[in-house]
Protein backbone atom coordinates (compact mmCIF):
# COMPACT_ATOMS: atom_id res chain seq x y z
CA UNK A 1 137.09 129.83 79.56
CA UNK A 2 135.61 128.61 76.63
CA UNK A 3 136.66 125.19 78.26
CA UNK A 4 134.70 126.35 80.87
CA UNK A 5 131.69 127.40 78.85
CA UNK A 6 131.20 123.74 77.28
CA UNK A 7 131.23 122.09 80.29
CA UNK A 8 128.59 124.27 81.66
CA UNK A 9 125.71 122.12 80.27
CA UNK A 10 126.92 119.28 81.56
CA UNK A 11 127.24 120.92 85.27
CA UNK A 12 123.76 121.97 84.88
CA UNK A 13 122.48 118.42 83.76
CA UNK A 14 124.75 116.56 87.07
CA UNK A 15 122.65 119.64 89.69
CA UNK A 16 119.53 118.70 88.43
CA UNK A 17 119.25 115.23 87.57
CA UNK A 18 118.76 114.35 91.05
CA UNK A 19 115.94 116.77 91.48
CA UNK A 20 114.37 115.71 87.97
CA UNK A 21 114.51 112.42 89.30
CA UNK A 22 112.75 112.79 91.90
CA UNK A 23 109.81 115.10 90.41
CA UNK A 24 109.69 112.28 87.50
CA UNK A 25 109.09 109.71 89.84
CA UNK A 26 107.10 110.73 92.11
CA UNK A 27 105.21 113.65 90.47
CA UNK A 28 105.19 112.96 87.11
CA UNK A 29 104.76 109.09 86.83
CA UNK A 30 102.01 109.29 89.58
CA UNK A 31 100.01 111.79 87.60
CA UNK A 32 100.81 109.95 84.41
CA UNK A 33 99.10 106.28 85.87
CA UNK A 34 95.85 108.40 87.67
CA UNK A 35 95.26 109.64 84.39
CA UNK A 36 95.15 107.02 82.67
CA UNK A 37 93.26 105.07 85.35
CA UNK A 38 90.65 107.67 85.46
CA UNK A 39 90.00 105.74 81.86
CA UNK A 40 89.70 102.62 83.17
CA UNK A 41 86.73 100.30 84.62
CA UNK A 42 89.59 98.92 87.60
CA UNK A 43 88.83 97.47 91.18
CA UNK A 44 92.59 98.06 91.97
CA UNK A 45 93.51 93.83 91.72
CA UNK A 46 92.38 92.46 88.63
CA UNK A 47 91.66 92.92 84.79
CA UNK A 48 90.49 95.89 83.80
CA UNK A 49 88.53 97.65 81.05
CA UNK A 50 88.58 100.82 79.43
CA UNK A 51 86.33 102.70 80.00
CA UNK A 52 86.76 106.03 78.47
CA UNK A 53 85.34 109.94 79.81
CA UNK A 54 82.60 107.45 81.54
CA UNK A 55 84.11 107.81 84.59
CA UNK A 56 84.30 111.57 84.50
CA UNK A 57 80.68 112.13 83.13
CA UNK A 58 79.54 109.76 86.01
CA UNK A 59 81.30 112.33 88.60
CA UNK A 60 80.58 115.54 86.66
CA UNK A 61 76.53 114.37 86.83
CA UNK A 62 76.66 113.25 90.31
CA UNK A 63 75.00 115.29 92.58
CA UNK A 64 77.02 114.69 95.44
CA UNK A 65 80.14 115.56 93.34
CA UNK A 66 78.72 118.71 92.51
CA UNK A 67 78.04 119.79 96.25
CA UNK A 68 81.94 118.36 96.67
CA UNK A 69 83.15 121.15 93.98
CA UNK A 70 81.03 123.65 95.33
CA UNK A 71 82.26 123.36 98.31
CA UNK A 72 86.06 123.03 97.73
CA UNK A 73 85.01 126.66 95.97
CA UNK A 74 84.43 128.13 98.87
CA UNK A 75 86.73 126.48 101.06
CA UNK A 76 89.96 128.18 98.63
CA UNK A 77 87.66 131.60 99.03
CA UNK A 78 87.84 131.11 102.90
CA UNK A 79 91.13 130.56 103.29
CA UNK A 80 92.47 132.89 100.50
CA UNK A 81 89.58 135.81 101.53
CA UNK A 82 89.47 135.35 105.36
CA UNK A 83 92.48 133.50 106.91
CA UNK A 84 95.05 135.51 105.07
CA UNK A 85 93.26 139.46 105.16
CA UNK A 86 92.97 138.07 109.10
CA UNK A 87 96.75 137.10 109.08
CA UNK A 88 97.86 140.44 107.62
CA UNK A 89 95.80 141.94 110.24
CA UNK A 90 97.63 140.58 112.81
CA UNK A 91 101.10 140.85 111.05
CA UNK A 92 100.19 144.59 110.78
CA UNK A 93 99.86 144.77 114.71
CA UNK A 94 102.89 142.62 115.14
CA UNK A 95 105.30 144.30 112.69
CA UNK A 96 104.69 147.23 115.22
CA UNK A 97 106.47 145.56 117.68
CA UNK A 98 103.80 146.37 120.44
CA UNK A 99 104.32 144.62 124.42
CA UNK A 100 104.75 141.07 124.39
CA UNK A 101 104.21 141.10 120.42
CA UNK A 102 106.89 138.16 120.81
CA UNK A 103 104.78 135.98 122.79
CA UNK A 104 101.97 136.93 120.58
CA UNK A 105 103.78 135.58 117.20
CA UNK A 106 104.60 132.51 119.16
CA UNK A 107 101.20 131.72 120.51
CA UNK A 108 99.53 132.62 116.93
CA UNK A 109 101.55 130.08 115.14
CA UNK A 110 101.61 127.68 117.94
CA UNK A 111 98.33 126.17 115.93
CA UNK A 112 100.73 125.25 113.27
CA UNK A 113 103.18 122.52 114.78
CA UNK A 114 100.06 120.76 116.64
CA UNK A 115 98.68 117.58 114.95
CA UNK A 116 96.03 118.81 112.40
CA UNK A 117 93.62 115.57 113.31
CA UNK A 118 94.28 116.70 117.56
CA UNK A 119 92.97 119.79 116.78
CA UNK A 120 90.07 118.28 114.74
CA UNK A 121 89.26 116.62 117.96
CA UNK A 122 89.41 119.66 119.86
CA UNK A 123 86.97 121.03 117.94
CA UNK A 124 84.32 118.41 117.68
CA UNK A 125 84.20 118.33 121.58
CA UNK A 126 83.98 122.31 121.48
CA UNK A 127 80.89 121.62 118.87
CA UNK A 128 79.59 119.14 121.03
CA UNK A 129 75.48 119.72 121.34
CA UNK A 130 75.41 118.97 125.15
CA UNK A 131 78.85 119.61 126.94
CA UNK A 132 80.64 122.08 124.04
CA UNK A 133 82.00 125.07 125.29
CA UNK A 134 80.66 127.00 122.84
CA UNK A 135 76.76 125.48 123.57
CA UNK A 136 77.93 126.76 127.16
CA UNK A 137 78.76 130.48 126.32
CA UNK A 138 75.59 130.87 124.41
CA UNK A 139 73.91 129.38 126.97
CA UNK A 140 75.14 131.38 129.17
CA UNK A 141 74.43 134.63 126.80
CA UNK A 142 71.00 133.23 126.83
CA UNK A 143 70.26 131.28 124.09
CA UNK A 144 69.76 127.48 123.07
CA UNK A 145 72.62 125.13 122.31
CA UNK A 146 72.87 123.76 118.61
CA UNK A 147 73.99 121.14 116.70
CA UNK A 148 76.45 122.69 115.01
CA UNK A 149 77.80 119.66 113.34
CA UNK A 150 74.62 117.79 112.90
CA UNK A 151 72.54 120.16 110.86
CA UNK A 152 73.37 120.34 107.52
CA UNK A 153 72.84 124.21 107.23
CA UNK A 154 75.72 125.18 110.07
CA UNK A 155 78.24 122.01 109.16
CA UNK A 156 80.16 123.40 106.46
CA UNK A 157 80.57 127.17 108.38
CA UNK A 158 81.59 125.22 111.60
CA UNK A 159 84.27 123.43 110.18
CA UNK A 160 85.73 126.36 108.02
CA UNK A 161 84.94 128.94 110.91
CA UNK A 162 87.56 126.47 112.92
CA UNK A 163 90.28 126.43 109.99
CA UNK A 164 90.44 130.13 109.15
CA UNK A 165 91.37 131.16 112.57
CA UNK A 166 95.01 129.20 112.26
CA UNK A 167 96.34 132.19 111.09
CA UNK A 168 99.92 131.61 112.36
CA UNK A 169 101.66 129.85 108.75
CA UNK A 170 100.62 132.54 106.59
CA UNK A 171 100.98 135.63 109.81
CA UNK A 172 104.85 134.96 109.99
CA UNK A 173 105.59 134.84 105.85
CA UNK A 174 103.76 138.53 105.85
CA UNK A 175 105.37 139.69 109.20
CA UNK A 176 108.82 138.74 107.80
CA UNK A 177 108.47 140.77 104.40
CA UNK A 178 107.08 143.43 106.26
CA UNK A 179 109.85 143.57 109.03
CA UNK A 180 111.94 143.94 105.54
CA UNK A 181 110.89 147.13 104.47
CA UNK A 182 113.20 149.96 105.55
CA UNK A 183 112.47 151.99 108.82
CA UNK A 184 113.48 155.11 106.49
CA UNK A 185 110.22 155.19 104.53
CA UNK A 186 108.06 155.27 108.04
CA UNK A 187 109.94 157.75 109.38
CA UNK A 188 109.42 160.06 106.82
CA UNK A 189 105.84 159.58 106.73
CA UNK A 190 106.11 160.56 110.35
CA UNK A 191 107.54 163.29 109.84
CA UNK A 192 104.93 164.41 107.30
CA UNK A 193 102.24 163.14 109.59
CA UNK A 194 101.18 160.54 108.35
CA UNK A 195 98.95 157.96 110.49
CA UNK A 196 99.40 154.70 111.50
CA UNK A 197 96.45 153.60 109.65
CA UNK A 198 97.94 155.99 106.53
CA UNK A 199 101.15 154.23 106.58
CA UNK A 200 99.80 150.86 106.61
CA UNK A 201 97.85 151.36 103.97
CA UNK A 202 100.04 153.92 101.38
CA UNK A 203 104.01 152.18 102.30
CA UNK A 204 103.45 148.57 104.11
CA UNK A 205 100.46 147.06 101.95
CA UNK A 206 101.95 147.92 98.78
CA UNK A 207 105.62 146.88 99.82
CA UNK A 208 104.24 143.47 100.59
CA UNK A 209 101.66 142.66 97.73
CA UNK A 210 103.85 140.17 96.01
CA UNK A 211 104.12 138.04 99.40
CA UNK A 212 100.42 139.03 99.91
CA UNK A 213 99.66 137.43 96.13
CA UNK A 214 101.99 134.63 96.91
CA UNK A 215 99.79 134.04 100.44
CA UNK A 216 96.83 134.59 98.56
CA UNK A 217 97.70 131.16 96.40
CA UNK A 218 99.24 129.38 98.86
CA UNK A 219 95.96 129.27 100.28
CA UNK A 220 93.58 128.74 98.36
CA UNK A 221 95.47 125.61 96.40
CA UNK A 222 95.50 124.64 100.55
CA UNK A 223 91.88 125.05 100.12
CA UNK A 224 91.32 123.34 96.96
CA UNK A 225 93.29 120.23 98.30
CA UNK A 226 91.00 120.29 101.79
CA UNK A 227 90.30 117.06 103.30
CA UNK A 228 91.47 116.28 107.05
CA UNK A 229 89.52 118.59 108.68
CA UNK A 230 85.89 117.80 107.18
CA UNK A 231 86.48 113.85 107.15
CA UNK A 232 87.48 113.61 110.90
CA UNK A 233 85.09 116.31 112.46
CA UNK A 234 81.73 115.40 109.80
CA UNK A 235 82.97 112.15 107.86
CA UNK A 236 81.80 114.73 104.60
CA UNK A 237 78.15 114.90 106.33
CA UNK A 238 75.71 115.73 107.24
CA UNK A 239 73.78 114.92 104.47
CA UNK A 240 77.25 115.24 102.63
CA UNK A 241 77.17 119.31 102.94
CA UNK A 242 80.73 118.97 104.19
CA UNK A 243 81.46 116.72 101.37
CA UNK A 244 84.94 117.82 99.42
CA UNK A 245 85.90 116.23 95.91
CA UNK A 246 89.02 114.98 98.56
CA UNK A 247 86.61 113.40 100.79
CA UNK A 248 84.29 112.06 97.21
CA UNK A 249 88.30 110.80 95.91
CA UNK A 250 88.58 108.50 99.44
CA UNK A 251 85.40 106.69 99.53
CA UNK A 252 85.23 106.29 95.55
CA UNK A 253 89.04 104.26 96.70
CA UNK A 254 87.18 102.42 99.62
CA UNK A 255 84.70 101.39 97.80
CA UNK A 256 87.49 99.66 95.33
CA UNK A 257 86.42 102.13 92.46
CA UNK A 258 89.73 103.26 91.66
CA UNK A 259 88.82 104.54 87.73
CA UNK A 260 86.32 107.17 89.00
CA UNK A 261 88.79 107.40 92.61
CA UNK A 262 91.38 108.52 89.61
CA UNK A 263 88.89 110.74 87.62
CA UNK A 264 88.56 112.40 90.68
CA UNK A 265 91.99 113.06 91.69
CA UNK A 266 92.50 114.53 87.77
CA UNK A 267 89.37 116.82 88.26
CA UNK A 268 90.57 118.11 91.53
CA UNK A 269 93.93 118.89 90.39
CA UNK A 270 92.25 120.40 87.09
CA UNK A 271 89.89 122.54 88.98
CA UNK A 272 92.85 123.35 91.56
CA UNK A 273 95.28 124.58 88.94
CA UNK A 274 92.38 126.78 87.06
CA UNK A 275 91.47 128.70 90.91
CA UNK A 276 95.73 129.19 91.00
CA UNK A 277 95.93 130.38 86.89
CA UNK A 278 92.96 132.61 87.84
CA UNK A 279 94.72 134.02 91.05
CA UNK A 280 97.59 134.66 89.30
CA UNK A 281 95.93 136.44 86.67
CA UNK A 282 93.60 138.65 88.57
CA UNK A 283 96.24 140.19 90.87
CA UNK A 284 99.57 139.17 88.68
CA UNK A 285 99.25 142.84 87.85
CA UNK A 286 99.76 144.32 91.07
CA UNK A 287 102.41 141.92 91.85
CA UNK A 288 106.26 142.97 90.57
CA UNK A 289 107.42 139.57 90.68
CA UNK A 290 104.65 138.36 88.11
CA UNK A 291 105.86 138.51 84.36
CA UNK A 292 102.42 140.04 83.72
CA UNK A 293 103.58 143.26 86.18
CA UNK A 294 106.42 144.57 83.57
C-alpha cells in the first residue's frame, strides 16, 4: 500500500502531462506571446521596437474602440439575459413532453449544426430592403420597408435579434438538467394542488439553478468574443455601429498593425474575464456548485 501511495504522484503526473503540454503549447504560450507583442510596435514582419503601453492608450482613447467595447457588453447581456431565458422557457415546455416534443427539440437545435456563415447570409437576404422577407411582411401589414442593416440606429439590434433566436445549444443543456429532476417531486406537488406554473417556479427552476448560472456564463462569454455574424452581415458598419473588439482586432491585423491587434486581444481577454468573474460573484450564491454557495 505504501509503495502504491508513493507512485501515486508519478501516475498523476503521467496522466496530466499530455494535457499540460497541449495547454502550454496552444494557450499559455500564445497568451504570453500576445501580451509581449502588445507592448511592441510591429508590422508582423521585420524589426520591432518597444512601445510600452502606447498601444493600449491609443485603443482606449479611440472612440471607435470604445464603441466596440460597448457593443461587446451589449452582446454579452443579450445572450446571457435574452437568449438563455428564451432557452429556459422552451426547455420548461418540452420537459413536460407535449405532443411532438421530440420533433420540436430537433428543430430548435437544428440551426446549431448549420454553418454560422450560411445563417448570416440567410439573414442578410431576409433583411434586404428591396426583396427581403422581413420587409415584405412589414409591407403586407401596411408599413414601409426599412434598411435594417444599413441604418446605424437599427443595425446592431438587427444583428443581435437573429443571433439570440438560436437557443438550441442552451435549450439542450437546460432540458437535460430538467429531465434529471425526480418525478416524485412533481407528483407530490400535484397532490398538494400546485399548478404547472407553480411547479416550474418552486421545483424546476430551483433544481436547475446551477445549470442556469453555467449557461448564462457561457452565453456571456460567447457574447464577449462575438465576431462572425457582425463581420459577415455588416463588416462592423454602418459607421462602426456594429463594430466589436474582435472586428477591431481583425482590422488592425489586416492593416499590419500587429502591436495594436495584440493589445486589442489582451483587452478582449481582460474584459471577458471581468464579465465572467462578476457574473459568478453575483449569481454564485445561488449556484450550489460554487464555493460561494457554501
